């Protein structure tokens, strides 16, 4: 699995689980989920240093 596929994986999994077929809706949902997941990971990674 490439790093890009790994980075987009959370959004792809949610889009597949919700059976989103429309490409525009899938892109919007995938973007939202990826932003939420990776922002959370980033905050959790930095939090111990604050």
PDB file of N, CA and C in Angstrom:
ATOM      1  N   UNK A   1       0.848  -1.172   0.000  1.00  0.00           N
ATOM      2  CA  UNK A   1       0.000   0.000   0.000  1.00  0.00           C
ATOM      3  C   UNK A   1       0.897   1.241   0.000  1.00  0.00           C
ATOM      4  N   UNK A   2       0.608   2.158  -0.886  1.00  0.00           N
ATOM      5  CA  UNK A   2       1.407   3.374  -0.985  1.00  0.00           C
ATOM      6  C   UNK A   2       1.049   4.324   0.155  1.00  0.00           C
ATOM      7  N   UNK A   3       1.938   5.255   0.473  1.00  0.00           N
ATOM      8  CA  UNK A   3       1.624   6.229   1.525  1.00  0.00           C
ATOM      9  C   UNK A   3       0.369   7.055   1.208  1.00  0.00           C
ATOM     10  N   UNK A   4       0.150   7.362  -0.059  1.00  0.00           N
ATOM     11  CA  UNK A   4      -1.045   8.121  -0.433  1.00  0.00           C
ATOM     12  C   UNK A   4      -2.310   7.328  -0.147  1.00  0.00           C
ATOM     13  N   UNK A   5      -2.310   6.052  -0.487  1.00  0.00           N
ATOM     14  CA  UNK A   5      -3.482   5.201  -0.216  1.00  0.00           C
ATOM     15  C   UNK A   5      -3.719   5.083   1.286  1.00  0.00           C
ATOM     16  N   UNK A   6      -2.652   4.979   2.056  1.00  0.00           N
ATOM     17  CA  UNK A   6      -2.769   4.903   3.506  1.00  0.00           C
ATOM     18  C   UNK A   6      -3.342   6.202   4.072  1.00  0.00           C
ATOM     19  N   UNK A   7      -2.913   7.328   3.523  1.00  0.00           N
ATOM     20  CA  UNK A   7      -3.403   8.633   3.968  1.00  0.00           C
ATOM     21  C   UNK A   7      -4.896   8.800   3.677  1.00  0.00           C
ATOM     22  N   UNK A   8      -5.371   8.274   2.551  1.00  0.00           N
ATOM     23  CA  UNK A   8      -6.774   8.406   2.160  1.00  0.00           C
ATOM     24  C   UNK A   8      -7.655   7.277   2.683  1.00  0.00           C
ATOM     25  N   UNK A   9      -7.063   6.290   3.331  1.00  0.00           N
ATOM     26  CA  UNK A   9      -7.797   5.104   3.766  1.00  0.00           C
ATOM     27  C   UNK A   9      -8.996   5.387   4.674  1.00  0.00           C
ATOM     28  N   UNK A  10      -8.894   6.250   5.695  1.00  0.00           N
ATOM     29  CA  UNK A  10     -10.074   6.458   6.557  1.00  0.00           C
ATOM     30  C   UNK A  10     -11.300   6.933   5.778  1.00  0.00           C
ATOM     31  N   UNK A  11     -11.115   7.883   4.884  1.00  0.00           N
ATOM     32  CA  UNK A  11     -12.233   8.390   4.090  1.00  0.00           C
ATOM     33  C   UNK A  11     -12.787   7.350   3.142  1.00  0.00           C
ATOM     34  N   UNK A  12     -11.911   6.556   2.558  1.00  0.00           N
ATOM     35  CA  UNK A  12     -12.366   5.492   1.657  1.00  0.00           C
ATOM     36  C   UNK A  12     -13.177   4.445   2.408  1.00  0.00           C
ATOM     37  N   UNK A  13     -12.729   4.081   3.596  1.00  0.00           N
ATOM     38  CA  UNK A  13     -13.452   3.075   4.380  1.00  0.00           C
ATOM     39  C   UNK A  13     -14.848   3.559   4.766  1.00  0.00           C
ATOM     40  N   UNK A  14     -14.955   4.815   5.182  1.00  0.00           N
ATOM     41  CA  UNK A  14     -16.262   5.359   5.560  1.00  0.00           C
ATOM     42  C   UNK A  14     -17.165   5.472   4.342  1.00  0.00           C
ATOM     43  N   UNK A  15     -16.625   5.934   3.223  1.00  0.00           N
ATOM     44  CA  UNK A  15     -17.430   6.048   2.001  1.00  0.00           C
ATOM     45  C   UNK A  15     -17.929   4.684   1.543  1.00  0.00           C
ATOM     46  N   UNK A  16     -17.084   3.684   1.634  1.00  0.00           N
ATOM     47  CA  UNK A  16     -17.499   2.327   1.266  1.00  0.00           C
ATOM     48  C   UNK A  16     -18.543   1.785   2.237  1.00  0.00           C
ATOM     49  N   UNK A  17     -18.366   2.045   3.525  1.00  0.00           N
ATOM     50  CA  UNK A  17     -19.306   1.538   4.530  1.00  0.00           C
ATOM     51  C   UNK A  17     -20.691   2.160   4.371  1.00  0.00           C
ATOM     52  N   UNK A  18     -20.730   3.420   3.938  1.00  0.00           N
ATOM     53  CA  UNK A  18     -22.011   4.110   3.749  1.00  0.00           C
ATOM     54  C   UNK A  18     -22.559   3.938   2.335  1.00  0.00           C
ATOM     55  N   UNK A  19     -21.854   3.197   1.494  1.00  0.00           N
ATOM     56  CA  UNK A  19     -22.268   2.916   0.111  1.00  0.00           C
ATOM     57  C   UNK A  19     -22.525   4.197  -0.687  1.00  0.00           C
ATOM     58  N   UNK A  20     -21.613   5.149  -0.584  1.00  0.00           N
ATOM     59  CA  UNK A  20     -21.723   6.401  -1.331  1.00  0.00           C
ATOM     60  C   UNK A  20     -21.191   6.154  -2.733  1.00  0.00           C
ATOM     61  N   UNK A  21     -22.052   6.328  -3.737  1.00  0.00           N
ATOM     62  CA  UNK A  21     -21.668   6.022  -5.113  1.00  0.00           C
ATOM     63  C   UNK A  21     -21.380   7.278  -5.935  1.00  0.00           C
ATOM     64  N   UNK A  22     -22.068   8.373  -5.643  1.00  0.00           N
ATOM     65  CA  UNK A  22     -21.885   9.608  -6.407  1.00  0.00           C
ATOM     66  C   UNK A  22     -20.464  10.140  -6.181  1.00  0.00           C
ATOM     67  N   UNK A  23     -19.711  10.358  -7.250  1.00  0.00           N
ATOM     68  CA  UNK A  23     -18.306  10.782  -7.086  1.00  0.00           C
ATOM     69  C   UNK A  23     -18.145  12.090  -6.305  1.00  0.00           C
ATOM     70  N   UNK A  24     -19.035  13.056  -6.537  1.00  0.00           N
ATOM     71  CA  UNK A  24     -18.915  14.332  -5.818  1.00  0.00           C
ATOM     72  C   UNK A  24     -19.199  14.161  -4.329  1.00  0.00           C
ATOM     73  N   UNK A  25     -20.226  13.405  -4.014  1.00  0.00           N
ATOM     74  CA  UNK A  25     -20.561  13.168  -2.604  1.00  0.00           C
ATOM     75  C   UNK A  25     -19.463  12.365  -1.924  1.00  0.00           C
ATOM     76  N   UNK A  26     -18.916  11.406  -2.650  1.00  0.00           N
ATOM     77  CA  UNK A  26     -17.842  10.578  -2.094  1.00  0.00           C
ATOM     78  C   UNK A  26     -16.607  11.430  -1.803  1.00  0.00           C
ATOM     79  N   UNK A  27     -16.293  12.351  -2.693  1.00  0.00           N
ATOM     80  CA  UNK A  27     -15.138  13.226  -2.495  1.00  0.00           C
ATOM     81  C   UNK A  27     -15.333  14.117  -1.276  1.00  0.00           C
ATOM     82  N   UNK A  28     -16.526  14.682  -1.131  1.00  0.00           N
ATOM     83  CA  UNK A  28     -16.803  15.554   0.015  1.00  0.00           C
ATOM     84  C   UNK A  28     -16.738  14.778   1.331  1.00  0.00           C
ATOM     85  N   UNK A  29     -17.351  13.607   1.365  1.00  0.00           N
ATOM     86  CA  UNK A  29     -17.347  12.793   2.582  1.00  0.00           C
ATOM     87  C   UNK A  29     -15.935  12.328   2.917  1.00  0.00           C
ATOM     88  N   UNK A  30     -15.210  11.908   1.898  1.00  0.00           N
ATOM     89  CA  UNK A  30     -13.841  11.439   2.118  1.00  0.00           C
ATOM     90  C   UNK A  30     -12.960  12.568   2.645  1.00  0.00           C
ATOM     91  N   UNK A  31     -13.126  13.768   2.100  1.00  0.00           N
ATOM     92  CA  UNK A  31     -12.352  14.917   2.575  1.00  0.00           C
ATOM     93  C   UNK A  31     -12.669  15.235   4.029  1.00  0.00           C
ATOM     94  N   UNK A  32     -13.950  15.232   4.376  1.00  0.00           N
ATOM     95  CA  UNK A  32     -14.360  15.519   5.751  1.00  0.00           C
ATOM     96  C   UNK A  32     -13.776  14.497   6.727  1.00  0.00           C
ATOM     97  N   UNK A  33     -13.937  13.234   6.413  1.00  0.00           N
ATOM     98  CA  UNK A  33     -13.460  12.178   7.312  1.00  0.00           C
ATOM     99  C   UNK A  33     -11.940  12.218   7.435  1.00  0.00           C
ATOM    100  N   UNK A  34     -11.252  12.393   6.322  1.00  0.00           N
ATOM    101  CA  UNK A  34      -9.787  12.441   6.376  1.00  0.00           C
ATOM    102  C   UNK A  34      -9.302  13.627   7.207  1.00  0.00           C
ATOM    103  N   UNK A  35      -9.944  14.793   7.046  1.00  0.00           N
ATOM    104  CA  UNK A  35      -9.544  15.950   7.851  1.00  0.00           C
ATOM    105  C   UNK A  35      -9.769  15.691   9.333  1.00  0.00           C
ATOM    106  N   UNK A  36     -10.918  15.114   9.685  1.00  0.00           N
ATOM    107  CA  UNK A  36     -11.203  14.829  11.093  1.00  0.00           C
ATOM    108  C   UNK A  36     -10.207  13.832  11.676  1.00  0.00           C
ATOM    109  N   UNK A  37      -9.958  12.756  10.954  1.00  0.00           N
ATOM    110  CA  UNK A  37      -9.059  11.710  11.454  1.00  0.00           C
ATOM    111  C   UNK A  37      -7.638  12.229  11.596  1.00  0.00           C
ATOM    112  N   UNK A  38      -7.107  12.857  10.554  1.00  0.00           N
ATOM    113  CA  UNK A  38      -5.701  13.254  10.603  1.00  0.00           C
ATOM    114  C   UNK A  38      -5.461  14.462  11.500  1.00  0.00           C
ATOM    115  N   UNK A  39      -6.465  15.339  11.654  1.00  0.00           N
ATOM    116  CA  UNK A  39      -6.333  16.414  12.642  1.00  0.00           C
ATOM    117  C   UNK A  39      -6.307  15.843  14.052  1.00  0.00           C
ATOM    118  N   UNK A  40      -7.147  14.853  14.321  1.00  0.00           N
ATOM    119  CA  UNK A  40      -7.158  14.202  15.634  1.00  0.00           C
ATOM    120  C   UNK A  40      -5.812  13.528  15.910  1.00  0.00           C
ATOM    121  N   UNK A  41      -5.293  12.821  14.928  1.00  0.00           N
ATOM    122  CA  UNK A  41      -3.990  12.159  15.091  1.00  0.00           C
ATOM    123  C   UNK A  41      -2.897  13.194  15.355  1.00  0.00           C
ATOM    124  N   UNK A  42      -2.931  14.300  14.622  1.00  0.00           N
ATOM    125  CA  UNK A  42      -1.939  15.353  14.823  1.00  0.00           C
ATOM    126  C   UNK A  42      -2.013  15.976  16.203  1.00  0.00           C
ATOM    127  N   UNK A  43      -3.221  16.253  16.665  1.00  0.00           N
ATOM    128  CA  UNK A  43      -3.396  16.838  17.998  1.00  0.00           C
ATOM    129  C   UNK A  43      -2.931  15.864  19.073  1.00  0.00           C
ATOM    130  N   UNK A  44      -3.270  14.604  18.936  1.00  0.00           N
ATOM    131  CA  UNK A  44      -2.855  13.605  19.926  1.00  0.00           C
ATOM    132  C   UNK A  44      -1.336  13.422  19.933  1.00  0.00           C
ATOM    133  N   UNK A  45      -0.703  13.596  18.777  1.00  0.00           N
ATOM    134  CA  UNK A  45       0.753  13.458  18.700  1.00  0.00           C
ATOM    135  C   UNK A  45       1.464  14.636  19.365  1.00  0.00           C
ATOM    136  N   UNK A  46       0.872  15.819  19.307  1.00  0.00           N
ATOM    137  CA  UNK A  46       1.502  17.020  19.856  1.00  0.00           C
ATOM    138  C   UNK A  46       1.146  17.229  21.325  1.00  0.00           C
ATOM    139  N   UNK A  47       0.007  16.742  21.741  1.00  0.00           N
ATOM    140  CA  UNK A  47      -0.496  16.979  23.097  1.00  0.00           C
ATOM    141  C   UNK A  47       0.492  16.623  24.211  1.00  0.00           C
ATOM    142  N   UNK A  48       1.229  15.533  24.125  1.00  0.00           N
ATOM    143  CA  UNK A  48       2.170  15.224  25.222  1.00  0.00           C
ATOM    144  C   UNK A  48       3.282  16.262  25.394  1.00  0.00           C
ATOM    145  N   UNK A  49       3.540  17.068  24.381  1.00  0.00           N
ATOM    146  CA  UNK A  49       4.625  18.038  24.442  1.00  0.00           C
ATOM    147  C   UNK A  49       4.173  19.406  24.935  1.00  0.00           C
ATOM    148  N   UNK A  50       2.887  19.541  25.232  1.00  0.00           N
ATOM    149  CA  UNK A  50       2.365  20.845  25.682  1.00  0.00           C
ATOM    150  C   UNK A  50       2.396  20.909  27.194  1.00  0.00           C
TER     151      UNK A  50
END
